[in-house]
N, C-alpha and C. Protein backbone atom coordinates (compact mmCIF):
# COMPACT_ATOMS: atom_id res chain seq x y z
N MET A 1 27.99 -45.35 -157.11
CA MET A 1 27.04 -45.60 -158.17
C MET A 1 27.22 -47.05 -158.65
N HIS A 2 26.12 -47.67 -158.99
CA HIS A 2 26.13 -49.05 -159.48
C HIS A 2 25.98 -49.01 -161.00
N ILE A 3 27.00 -49.51 -161.69
CA ILE A 3 27.05 -49.47 -163.15
C ILE A 3 26.96 -50.88 -163.72
N GLY A 4 26.03 -51.06 -164.64
CA GLY A 4 25.91 -52.33 -165.36
C GLY A 4 26.69 -52.25 -166.65
N LEU A 5 27.50 -53.25 -166.91
CA LEU A 5 28.32 -53.29 -168.12
C LEU A 5 27.71 -54.30 -169.09
N TYR A 6 27.24 -53.78 -170.21
CA TYR A 6 26.60 -54.59 -171.24
C TYR A 6 27.62 -54.72 -172.38
N PHE A 7 28.34 -55.82 -172.39
CA PHE A 7 29.40 -56.05 -173.37
C PHE A 7 28.79 -56.57 -174.67
N GLY A 8 29.39 -56.18 -175.78
CA GLY A 8 28.94 -56.72 -177.04
C GLY A 8 29.69 -56.14 -178.21
N SER A 9 29.56 -56.82 -179.34
CA SER A 9 30.14 -56.30 -180.58
C SER A 9 29.28 -55.16 -181.11
N PHE A 10 27.97 -55.24 -180.88
CA PHE A 10 27.02 -54.23 -181.36
C PHE A 10 27.31 -53.94 -182.84
N ASN A 11 27.17 -54.99 -183.66
CA ASN A 11 27.61 -54.97 -185.05
C ASN A 11 26.47 -55.19 -186.03
N PRO A 12 25.45 -54.30 -186.09
CA PRO A 12 25.28 -53.04 -185.37
C PRO A 12 24.35 -53.20 -184.16
N ILE A 13 24.30 -52.14 -183.36
CA ILE A 13 23.33 -52.07 -182.26
C ILE A 13 21.93 -52.04 -182.87
N HIS A 14 20.96 -52.63 -182.17
CA HIS A 14 19.59 -52.64 -182.69
C HIS A 14 18.58 -52.45 -181.56
N ILE A 15 17.33 -52.37 -181.93
CA ILE A 15 16.25 -52.12 -180.98
C ILE A 15 16.22 -53.17 -179.88
N GLY A 16 16.51 -54.42 -180.20
CA GLY A 16 16.54 -55.48 -179.19
C GLY A 16 17.53 -55.19 -178.08
N HIS A 17 18.73 -54.72 -178.44
CA HIS A 17 19.72 -54.35 -177.42
C HIS A 17 19.17 -53.24 -176.52
N LEU A 18 18.53 -52.26 -177.13
CA LEU A 18 18.04 -51.11 -176.37
C LEU A 18 16.88 -51.48 -175.45
N ILE A 19 16.02 -52.37 -175.90
CA ILE A 19 14.90 -52.81 -175.07
C ILE A 19 15.42 -53.56 -173.85
N VAL A 20 16.37 -54.47 -174.05
CA VAL A 20 16.96 -55.20 -172.94
C VAL A 20 17.65 -54.24 -171.97
N ALA A 21 18.44 -53.31 -172.51
CA ALA A 21 19.16 -52.35 -171.66
C ALA A 21 18.20 -51.52 -170.82
N ASN A 22 17.16 -51.00 -171.44
CA ASN A 22 16.19 -50.19 -170.71
C ASN A 22 15.49 -51.01 -169.63
N HIS A 23 15.10 -52.24 -169.95
CA HIS A 23 14.44 -53.11 -168.98
C HIS A 23 15.35 -53.34 -167.76
N ILE A 24 16.62 -53.58 -168.02
CA ILE A 24 17.55 -53.86 -166.93
C ILE A 24 17.74 -52.63 -166.04
N VAL A 25 17.88 -51.46 -166.64
CA VAL A 25 18.02 -50.23 -165.83
C VAL A 25 16.78 -50.01 -164.98
N GLU A 26 15.62 -50.28 -165.53
CA GLU A 26 14.37 -50.03 -164.81
C GLU A 26 14.02 -51.12 -163.79
N ASN A 27 14.60 -52.32 -163.91
CA ASN A 27 14.19 -53.44 -163.07
C ASN A 27 15.33 -54.09 -162.29
N SER A 28 16.39 -53.34 -162.05
CA SER A 28 17.50 -53.87 -161.26
C SER A 28 18.05 -52.75 -160.39
N GLU A 29 19.11 -53.06 -159.68
CA GLU A 29 19.71 -52.08 -158.76
C GLU A 29 20.68 -51.12 -159.46
N ILE A 30 20.96 -51.34 -160.74
CA ILE A 30 21.96 -50.48 -161.38
C ILE A 30 21.40 -49.09 -161.64
N ASP A 31 22.30 -48.11 -161.56
CA ASP A 31 21.94 -46.71 -161.79
C ASP A 31 22.16 -46.30 -163.23
N LYS A 32 23.24 -46.84 -163.82
CA LYS A 32 23.60 -46.52 -165.21
C LYS A 32 24.04 -47.78 -165.91
N LEU A 33 23.88 -47.78 -167.23
CA LEU A 33 24.30 -48.91 -168.04
C LEU A 33 25.28 -48.41 -169.09
N TRP A 34 26.43 -49.07 -169.14
CA TRP A 34 27.44 -48.75 -170.16
C TRP A 34 27.42 -49.83 -171.22
N PHE A 35 27.28 -49.43 -172.48
CA PHE A 35 27.42 -50.33 -173.61
C PHE A 35 28.92 -50.41 -173.90
N VAL A 36 29.54 -51.53 -173.55
CA VAL A 36 30.98 -51.69 -173.75
C VAL A 36 31.18 -52.35 -175.11
N VAL A 37 31.61 -51.54 -176.06
CA VAL A 37 31.82 -52.03 -177.42
C VAL A 37 33.13 -52.82 -177.45
N SER A 38 33.02 -54.10 -177.78
CA SER A 38 34.18 -54.99 -177.80
C SER A 38 34.82 -54.98 -179.19
N PRO A 39 36.10 -54.64 -179.26
CA PRO A 39 36.77 -54.67 -180.56
C PRO A 39 36.78 -56.07 -181.16
N HIS A 40 36.98 -57.10 -180.32
CA HIS A 40 37.00 -58.47 -180.81
C HIS A 40 36.65 -59.41 -179.68
N ASN A 41 35.54 -60.12 -179.83
CA ASN A 41 35.13 -61.13 -178.86
C ASN A 41 35.96 -62.38 -179.12
N PRO A 42 36.70 -62.87 -178.12
CA PRO A 42 37.56 -64.03 -178.36
C PRO A 42 36.79 -65.31 -178.71
N LEU A 43 35.48 -65.33 -178.48
CA LEU A 43 34.69 -66.52 -178.81
C LEU A 43 33.94 -66.37 -180.14
N LYS A 44 34.20 -65.27 -180.88
CA LYS A 44 33.51 -65.05 -182.14
C LYS A 44 34.50 -64.74 -183.25
N ASP A 45 34.08 -65.02 -184.48
CA ASP A 45 34.87 -64.70 -185.66
C ASP A 45 34.77 -63.18 -185.90
N SER A 46 35.87 -62.54 -186.22
CA SER A 46 35.86 -61.08 -186.35
C SER A 46 35.85 -60.61 -187.80
N HIS A 47 35.76 -61.50 -188.79
CA HIS A 47 35.88 -61.08 -190.18
C HIS A 47 34.75 -60.15 -190.64
N SER A 48 33.58 -60.22 -190.02
CA SER A 48 32.45 -59.39 -190.46
C SER A 48 32.25 -58.15 -189.58
N LEU A 49 33.22 -57.86 -188.71
CA LEU A 49 33.08 -56.72 -187.80
C LEU A 49 33.37 -55.40 -188.51
N LEU A 50 32.46 -54.46 -188.32
CA LEU A 50 32.70 -53.09 -188.73
C LEU A 50 33.77 -52.53 -187.79
N ASN A 51 34.53 -51.56 -188.23
CA ASN A 51 35.55 -50.92 -187.40
C ASN A 51 34.96 -50.55 -186.03
N GLU A 52 35.73 -50.77 -184.96
CA GLU A 52 35.20 -50.52 -183.61
C GLU A 52 34.75 -49.08 -183.38
N TYR A 53 35.45 -48.10 -183.97
CA TYR A 53 35.06 -46.70 -183.78
C TYR A 53 33.74 -46.40 -184.48
N ASP A 54 33.51 -47.05 -185.62
CA ASP A 54 32.22 -46.88 -186.31
C ASP A 54 31.10 -47.51 -185.49
N ARG A 55 31.35 -48.69 -184.91
CA ARG A 55 30.33 -49.34 -184.07
C ARG A 55 30.06 -48.52 -182.82
N LEU A 56 31.09 -47.94 -182.23
CA LEU A 56 30.91 -47.06 -181.07
C LEU A 56 30.03 -45.87 -181.44
N HIS A 57 30.30 -45.28 -182.60
CA HIS A 57 29.50 -44.13 -183.03
C HIS A 57 28.04 -44.52 -183.23
N LEU A 58 27.80 -45.72 -183.78
CA LEU A 58 26.42 -46.18 -183.95
C LEU A 58 25.73 -46.35 -182.59
N VAL A 59 26.46 -46.84 -181.59
CA VAL A 59 25.90 -46.95 -180.24
C VAL A 59 25.57 -45.55 -179.70
N GLU A 60 26.48 -44.61 -179.89
CA GLU A 60 26.23 -43.23 -179.43
C GLU A 60 24.99 -42.65 -180.09
N LEU A 61 24.83 -42.89 -181.39
CA LEU A 61 23.62 -42.42 -182.09
C LEU A 61 22.37 -43.07 -181.51
N ALA A 62 22.47 -44.37 -181.23
CA ALA A 62 21.31 -45.13 -180.74
C ALA A 62 20.85 -44.68 -179.37
N ILE A 63 21.79 -44.41 -178.48
CA ILE A 63 21.39 -44.07 -177.10
C ILE A 63 21.06 -42.60 -176.94
N GLY A 64 21.49 -41.79 -177.89
CA GLY A 64 21.14 -40.37 -177.87
C GLY A 64 21.47 -39.69 -176.56
N ASP A 65 20.49 -39.00 -176.02
CA ASP A 65 20.73 -38.23 -174.79
C ASP A 65 20.19 -38.93 -173.55
N ASN A 66 20.03 -40.25 -173.60
CA ASN A 66 19.56 -41.00 -172.44
C ASN A 66 20.63 -40.92 -171.34
N ALA A 67 20.33 -40.23 -170.27
CA ALA A 67 21.31 -40.01 -169.20
C ALA A 67 21.69 -41.29 -168.46
N LYS A 68 20.88 -42.34 -168.60
CA LYS A 68 21.19 -43.60 -167.92
C LYS A 68 22.10 -44.50 -168.75
N PHE A 69 22.33 -44.15 -170.00
CA PHE A 69 23.15 -44.96 -170.90
C PHE A 69 24.45 -44.23 -171.25
N ARG A 70 25.48 -45.04 -171.50
CA ARG A 70 26.76 -44.48 -171.95
C ARG A 70 27.42 -45.49 -172.89
N ALA A 71 28.04 -44.99 -173.95
CA ALA A 71 28.83 -45.83 -174.85
C ALA A 71 30.26 -45.81 -174.33
N SER A 72 30.87 -46.99 -174.23
CA SER A 72 32.22 -47.08 -173.68
C SER A 72 33.19 -47.72 -174.67
N ASN A 73 34.34 -47.08 -174.82
CA ASN A 73 35.40 -47.60 -175.67
C ASN A 73 36.56 -48.15 -174.85
N VAL A 74 36.31 -48.48 -173.60
CA VAL A 74 37.37 -48.89 -172.67
C VAL A 74 38.23 -50.02 -173.24
N GLU A 75 37.65 -50.94 -173.99
CA GLU A 75 38.41 -52.08 -174.49
C GLU A 75 39.24 -51.75 -175.73
N PHE A 76 39.06 -50.56 -176.31
CA PHE A 76 39.79 -50.21 -177.53
C PHE A 76 41.30 -50.09 -177.27
N HIS A 77 41.65 -49.73 -176.04
CA HIS A 77 43.05 -49.47 -175.72
C HIS A 77 43.67 -50.60 -174.91
N MET A 78 42.98 -51.71 -174.86
CA MET A 78 43.47 -52.88 -174.12
C MET A 78 43.95 -53.93 -175.12
N PRO A 79 44.76 -54.89 -174.66
CA PRO A 79 45.21 -55.95 -175.57
C PRO A 79 44.02 -56.70 -176.16
N LYS A 80 44.18 -57.10 -177.43
CA LYS A 80 43.11 -57.83 -178.11
C LYS A 80 43.52 -59.28 -178.28
N PRO A 81 42.60 -60.23 -178.17
CA PRO A 81 41.18 -60.00 -177.90
C PRO A 81 40.94 -59.55 -176.47
N SER A 82 39.78 -58.93 -176.27
CA SER A 82 39.41 -58.41 -174.95
C SER A 82 38.86 -59.54 -174.07
N TYR A 83 39.24 -59.51 -172.82
CA TYR A 83 38.69 -60.47 -171.86
C TYR A 83 37.99 -59.68 -170.77
N THR A 84 36.78 -60.10 -170.43
CA THR A 84 35.94 -59.38 -169.48
C THR A 84 36.65 -59.17 -168.15
N ILE A 85 37.36 -60.16 -167.65
CA ILE A 85 38.04 -60.02 -166.35
C ILE A 85 39.08 -58.91 -166.40
N ASP A 86 39.80 -58.78 -167.51
CA ASP A 86 40.81 -57.72 -167.63
C ASP A 86 40.14 -56.35 -167.67
N THR A 87 39.04 -56.25 -168.38
CA THR A 87 38.30 -54.98 -168.46
C THR A 87 37.77 -54.59 -167.09
N LEU A 88 37.19 -55.54 -166.38
CA LEU A 88 36.65 -55.24 -165.05
C LEU A 88 37.76 -54.90 -164.06
N THR A 89 38.88 -55.56 -164.14
CA THR A 89 40.01 -55.23 -163.27
C THR A 89 40.45 -53.79 -163.52
N TYR A 90 40.57 -53.43 -164.78
CA TYR A 90 40.96 -52.07 -165.14
C TYR A 90 39.93 -51.04 -164.64
N LEU A 91 38.64 -51.30 -164.90
CA LEU A 91 37.61 -50.35 -164.48
C LEU A 91 37.52 -50.22 -162.96
N THR A 92 37.70 -51.33 -162.25
CA THR A 92 37.65 -51.30 -160.79
C THR A 92 38.80 -50.46 -160.23
N GLU A 93 39.97 -50.54 -160.86
CA GLU A 93 41.11 -49.73 -160.43
C GLU A 93 40.90 -48.26 -160.78
N LYS A 94 40.36 -47.99 -161.97
CA LYS A 94 40.17 -46.61 -162.43
C LYS A 94 39.02 -45.91 -161.70
N PHE A 95 37.98 -46.67 -161.35
CA PHE A 95 36.79 -46.11 -160.69
C PHE A 95 36.54 -46.86 -159.38
N PRO A 96 37.39 -46.67 -158.37
CA PRO A 96 37.29 -47.47 -157.15
C PRO A 96 36.01 -47.25 -156.34
N LEU A 97 35.31 -46.15 -156.56
CA LEU A 97 34.09 -45.87 -155.81
C LEU A 97 32.84 -46.45 -156.47
N GLU A 98 32.98 -46.94 -157.69
CA GLU A 98 31.84 -47.49 -158.42
C GLU A 98 31.71 -48.99 -158.16
N GLN A 99 30.48 -49.48 -158.26
CA GLN A 99 30.23 -50.91 -158.20
C GLN A 99 29.81 -51.35 -159.60
N PHE A 100 30.43 -52.42 -160.08
CA PHE A 100 30.16 -52.89 -161.44
C PHE A 100 29.45 -54.24 -161.41
N SER A 101 28.48 -54.38 -162.30
CA SER A 101 27.82 -55.66 -162.56
C SER A 101 27.94 -55.96 -164.04
N ILE A 102 27.95 -57.23 -164.37
CA ILE A 102 28.01 -57.67 -165.76
C ILE A 102 26.59 -57.99 -166.21
N ILE A 103 26.25 -57.60 -167.43
CA ILE A 103 24.94 -57.89 -168.01
C ILE A 103 25.16 -58.84 -169.18
N MET A 104 24.40 -59.93 -169.20
CA MET A 104 24.52 -60.87 -170.33
C MET A 104 23.26 -61.69 -170.48
N GLY A 105 23.10 -62.24 -171.66
CA GLY A 105 22.00 -63.15 -171.92
C GLY A 105 22.29 -64.52 -171.34
N ALA A 106 21.24 -65.30 -171.12
CA ALA A 106 21.39 -66.64 -170.57
C ALA A 106 22.23 -67.53 -171.47
N ASP A 107 22.21 -67.28 -172.78
CA ASP A 107 23.03 -68.06 -173.70
C ASP A 107 24.52 -67.82 -173.43
N SER A 108 24.91 -66.58 -173.20
CA SER A 108 26.30 -66.28 -172.86
C SER A 108 26.67 -66.82 -171.49
N PHE A 109 25.74 -66.71 -170.55
CA PHE A 109 26.03 -67.18 -169.19
C PHE A 109 26.32 -68.68 -169.17
N GLN A 110 25.67 -69.42 -170.05
CA GLN A 110 25.94 -70.87 -170.10
C GLN A 110 27.39 -71.17 -170.47
N ASN A 111 28.05 -70.23 -171.12
CA ASN A 111 29.45 -70.42 -171.54
C ASN A 111 30.45 -69.75 -170.61
N ILE A 112 29.99 -69.16 -169.52
CA ILE A 112 30.89 -68.37 -168.68
C ILE A 112 32.06 -69.20 -168.12
N HIS A 113 31.84 -70.48 -167.96
CA HIS A 113 32.92 -71.34 -167.46
C HIS A 113 34.09 -71.44 -168.45
N ARG A 114 33.88 -71.01 -169.70
CA ARG A 114 34.93 -71.00 -170.72
C ARG A 114 35.70 -69.68 -170.75
N TRP A 115 35.24 -68.69 -169.98
CA TRP A 115 35.86 -67.37 -170.01
C TRP A 115 37.16 -67.37 -169.21
N LYS A 116 38.04 -66.48 -169.57
CA LYS A 116 39.31 -66.33 -168.86
C LYS A 116 39.05 -65.98 -167.40
N ASN A 117 39.69 -66.72 -166.49
CA ASN A 117 39.60 -66.49 -165.04
C ASN A 117 38.15 -66.35 -164.56
N PHE A 118 37.29 -67.22 -165.07
CA PHE A 118 35.86 -67.07 -164.75
C PHE A 118 35.59 -67.21 -163.25
N GLU A 119 36.39 -68.00 -162.53
CA GLU A 119 36.17 -68.15 -161.08
C GLU A 119 36.33 -66.81 -160.37
N THR A 120 37.34 -66.06 -160.75
CA THR A 120 37.56 -64.73 -160.17
C THR A 120 36.43 -63.79 -160.57
N LEU A 121 36.03 -63.86 -161.82
CA LEU A 121 34.96 -63.00 -162.33
C LEU A 121 33.68 -63.20 -161.54
N VAL A 122 33.25 -64.46 -161.37
CA VAL A 122 31.98 -64.70 -160.69
C VAL A 122 32.06 -64.47 -159.19
N SER A 123 33.26 -64.54 -158.63
CA SER A 123 33.38 -64.30 -157.19
C SER A 123 33.41 -62.80 -156.85
N LYS A 124 33.87 -61.97 -157.79
CA LYS A 124 34.03 -60.54 -157.51
C LYS A 124 32.89 -59.65 -158.01
N TYR A 125 32.19 -60.10 -159.06
CA TYR A 125 31.22 -59.20 -159.70
C TYR A 125 29.85 -59.85 -159.82
N PRO A 126 28.80 -59.11 -159.45
CA PRO A 126 27.44 -59.62 -159.66
C PRO A 126 27.14 -59.69 -161.16
N ILE A 127 26.25 -60.59 -161.52
CA ILE A 127 25.89 -60.78 -162.92
C ILE A 127 24.38 -60.68 -163.06
N ILE A 128 23.95 -59.85 -163.99
CA ILE A 128 22.53 -59.72 -164.32
C ILE A 128 22.32 -60.49 -165.61
N VAL A 129 21.50 -61.53 -165.55
CA VAL A 129 21.25 -62.39 -166.70
C VAL A 129 19.82 -62.17 -167.18
N TYR A 130 19.67 -61.90 -168.47
CA TYR A 130 18.32 -61.83 -169.02
C TYR A 130 18.05 -63.14 -169.75
N ASN A 131 16.89 -63.69 -169.49
CA ASN A 131 16.52 -64.99 -170.07
C ASN A 131 16.45 -64.90 -171.58
N ARG A 132 16.83 -66.00 -172.22
CA ARG A 132 16.72 -66.16 -173.67
C ARG A 132 16.02 -67.49 -173.90
N PRO A 133 15.09 -67.56 -174.85
CA PRO A 133 14.39 -68.82 -175.10
C PRO A 133 15.38 -69.94 -175.43
N GLY A 134 15.16 -71.08 -174.78
CA GLY A 134 16.00 -72.24 -175.02
C GLY A 134 17.28 -72.29 -174.22
N PHE A 135 17.51 -71.30 -173.36
CA PHE A 135 18.73 -71.24 -172.57
C PHE A 135 18.39 -71.01 -171.09
N GLU A 136 17.96 -72.05 -170.44
CA GLU A 136 17.59 -71.96 -169.04
C GLU A 136 18.86 -71.97 -168.18
N VAL A 137 18.90 -71.10 -167.18
CA VAL A 137 20.04 -71.06 -166.27
C VAL A 137 19.86 -72.15 -165.24
N ARG A 138 20.68 -73.18 -165.35
CA ARG A 138 20.62 -74.30 -164.40
C ARG A 138 21.79 -74.28 -163.44
N GLU A 139 22.93 -73.85 -163.91
CA GLU A 139 24.15 -73.82 -163.12
C GLU A 139 24.58 -72.36 -162.95
N THR A 140 24.80 -71.92 -161.70
CA THR A 140 25.19 -70.52 -161.47
C THR A 140 26.68 -70.35 -161.21
N TYR A 141 27.42 -71.44 -161.10
CA TYR A 141 28.88 -71.37 -160.88
C TYR A 141 29.23 -70.53 -159.65
N ASN A 142 28.36 -70.55 -158.65
CA ASN A 142 28.53 -69.79 -157.41
C ASN A 142 28.58 -68.28 -157.63
N ALA A 143 28.03 -67.82 -158.72
CA ALA A 143 27.97 -66.38 -159.00
C ALA A 143 26.78 -65.76 -158.27
N ARG A 144 26.89 -64.45 -158.02
CA ARG A 144 25.74 -63.68 -157.52
C ARG A 144 24.94 -63.27 -158.75
N VAL A 145 23.90 -64.04 -159.03
CA VAL A 145 23.15 -63.87 -160.28
C VAL A 145 21.76 -63.32 -160.00
N GLN A 146 21.38 -62.31 -160.76
CA GLN A 146 20.00 -61.84 -160.79
C GLN A 146 19.47 -62.17 -162.17
N ILE A 147 18.40 -62.92 -162.23
CA ILE A 147 17.82 -63.32 -163.52
C ILE A 147 16.57 -62.48 -163.79
N LEU A 148 16.54 -61.86 -164.95
CA LEU A 148 15.42 -61.01 -165.33
C LEU A 148 14.77 -61.53 -166.60
N ASP A 149 13.46 -61.36 -166.68
CA ASP A 149 12.72 -61.69 -167.90
C ASP A 149 12.51 -60.41 -168.68
N ALA A 150 13.50 -60.03 -169.46
CA ALA A 150 13.39 -58.83 -170.28
C ALA A 150 12.58 -59.15 -171.52
N PRO A 151 11.83 -58.18 -172.04
CA PRO A 151 11.12 -58.42 -173.30
C PRO A 151 12.14 -58.61 -174.42
N LEU A 152 11.98 -59.66 -175.18
CA LEU A 152 12.95 -59.99 -176.22
C LEU A 152 12.31 -59.96 -177.60
N LEU A 153 13.11 -59.55 -178.56
CA LEU A 153 12.70 -59.59 -179.96
C LEU A 153 13.65 -60.55 -180.68
N GLU A 154 13.13 -61.26 -181.64
CA GLU A 154 13.99 -62.17 -182.40
C GLU A 154 14.69 -61.39 -183.50
N ILE A 155 15.62 -60.55 -183.07
CA ILE A 155 16.41 -59.73 -183.98
C ILE A 155 17.87 -60.00 -183.64
N SER A 156 18.69 -60.11 -184.65
CA SER A 156 20.12 -60.25 -184.40
C SER A 156 20.87 -59.31 -185.33
N SER A 157 22.07 -58.97 -184.94
CA SER A 157 22.91 -58.15 -185.80
C SER A 157 23.22 -58.87 -187.10
N THR A 158 23.35 -60.19 -187.04
CA THR A 158 23.60 -60.99 -188.24
C THR A 158 22.44 -60.82 -189.23
N TYR A 159 21.21 -60.89 -188.71
CA TYR A 159 20.02 -60.71 -189.55
C TYR A 159 20.05 -59.32 -190.20
N ILE A 160 20.39 -58.31 -189.42
CA ILE A 160 20.42 -56.94 -189.94
C ILE A 160 21.46 -56.81 -191.06
N ARG A 161 22.63 -57.38 -190.84
CA ARG A 161 23.68 -57.32 -191.87
C ARG A 161 23.22 -58.02 -193.15
N LYS A 162 22.52 -59.14 -193.02
CA LYS A 162 22.01 -59.86 -194.19
C LYS A 162 20.97 -59.03 -194.93
N GLN A 163 20.09 -58.36 -194.17
CA GLN A 163 19.08 -57.50 -194.79
C GLN A 163 19.74 -56.37 -195.58
N ILE A 164 20.75 -55.76 -195.01
CA ILE A 164 21.45 -54.66 -195.70
C ILE A 164 22.12 -55.19 -196.97
N LYS A 165 22.78 -56.33 -196.86
CA LYS A 165 23.48 -56.92 -198.01
C LYS A 165 22.50 -57.23 -199.14
N ALA A 166 21.27 -57.64 -198.76
CA ALA A 166 20.24 -57.97 -199.75
C ALA A 166 19.53 -56.72 -200.29
N GLY A 167 19.87 -55.56 -199.75
CA GLY A 167 19.23 -54.32 -200.19
C GLY A 167 17.87 -54.08 -199.56
N ASN A 168 17.56 -54.77 -198.48
CA ASN A 168 16.27 -54.63 -197.80
C ASN A 168 16.33 -53.57 -196.72
N SER A 169 15.19 -53.04 -196.36
CA SER A 169 15.09 -52.00 -195.34
C SER A 169 15.36 -52.57 -193.94
N ILE A 170 16.01 -51.77 -193.10
CA ILE A 170 16.18 -52.12 -191.69
C ILE A 170 15.42 -51.13 -190.81
N ARG A 171 14.50 -50.43 -191.43
CA ARG A 171 13.67 -49.47 -190.70
C ARG A 171 12.92 -50.19 -189.59
N TYR A 172 12.82 -49.58 -188.44
CA TYR A 172 12.16 -50.09 -187.24
C TYR A 172 12.96 -51.18 -186.51
N ILE A 173 14.03 -51.69 -187.11
CA ILE A 173 14.85 -52.72 -186.46
C ILE A 173 16.01 -52.07 -185.71
N VAL A 174 16.47 -50.95 -186.25
CA VAL A 174 17.50 -50.14 -185.60
C VAL A 174 16.93 -48.73 -185.45
N PRO A 175 17.46 -47.93 -184.51
CA PRO A 175 16.97 -46.55 -184.42
C PRO A 175 17.17 -45.82 -185.75
N GLU A 176 16.29 -44.87 -186.01
CA GLU A 176 16.30 -44.15 -187.29
C GLU A 176 17.66 -43.52 -187.60
N LYS A 177 18.29 -42.90 -186.60
CA LYS A 177 19.60 -42.28 -186.82
C LYS A 177 20.65 -43.31 -187.20
N VAL A 178 20.57 -44.49 -186.60
CA VAL A 178 21.51 -45.57 -186.90
C VAL A 178 21.30 -46.04 -188.34
N ALA A 179 20.06 -46.26 -188.73
CA ALA A 179 19.76 -46.71 -190.10
C ALA A 179 20.27 -45.70 -191.12
N GLY A 180 20.04 -44.42 -190.84
CA GLY A 180 20.50 -43.37 -191.75
C GLY A 180 22.01 -43.33 -191.88
N TYR A 181 22.69 -43.45 -190.77
CA TYR A 181 24.16 -43.41 -190.79
C TYR A 181 24.74 -44.63 -191.50
N ILE A 182 24.15 -45.80 -191.27
CA ILE A 182 24.59 -47.01 -191.97
C ILE A 182 24.42 -46.83 -193.48
N ALA A 183 23.26 -46.33 -193.89
CA ALA A 183 22.99 -46.13 -195.33
C ALA A 183 23.93 -45.09 -195.93
N ASP A 184 24.09 -43.95 -195.23
CA ASP A 184 24.95 -42.87 -195.74
C ASP A 184 26.39 -43.32 -195.93
N ASN A 185 26.84 -44.26 -195.12
CA ASN A 185 28.25 -44.68 -195.17
C ASN A 185 28.45 -46.03 -195.87
N GLY A 186 27.36 -46.62 -196.35
CA GLY A 186 27.48 -47.87 -197.08
C GLY A 186 27.98 -49.04 -196.26
N TYR A 187 27.71 -49.03 -194.95
CA TYR A 187 28.17 -50.10 -194.08
C TYR A 187 27.44 -51.41 -194.39
N TYR A 188 28.14 -52.50 -194.23
CA TYR A 188 27.63 -53.86 -194.32
C TYR A 188 27.18 -54.29 -195.72
N LYS A 189 27.54 -53.53 -196.74
CA LYS A 189 27.16 -53.93 -198.10
C LYS A 189 28.20 -54.87 -198.63
């Protein structure tokens, strides 16, 4: 089976993430997509992160019973911060019959040369890149890259957190179950 790994903080997950994920499953060779919830991205500040188990639960609520999607906590039990190469090495050893691809936006791909052991990463694993406005893929770093034009919304988790803090509605920006759970638990206030 070919599994696409969509890494992210998902702080919180939103409709934009789900649209990209669905587009990639429907328009690439992958059979399933795993949302890999990262406890701490080494290239981002972690002070505004909701607890990783709460973010994982929000992903589970968002994907519901979609058989092509899975929420993954694989990085929760690994040394922090998490590095993609370490996660892929672990998953490849644990699931030797599966083929893994990395899913990322063109903005992240532009920084891949800054990632730990990026040469090994790009030589061993295919990468599915979805275009982002203003971030054209010019350099592929000898990676096996598939570039997709996924439908994008100008929504960010940062925007959602600001809306919650301001007391504004996040209806239609996140799945209904996610919005309800965030409100019931007072997250991001």
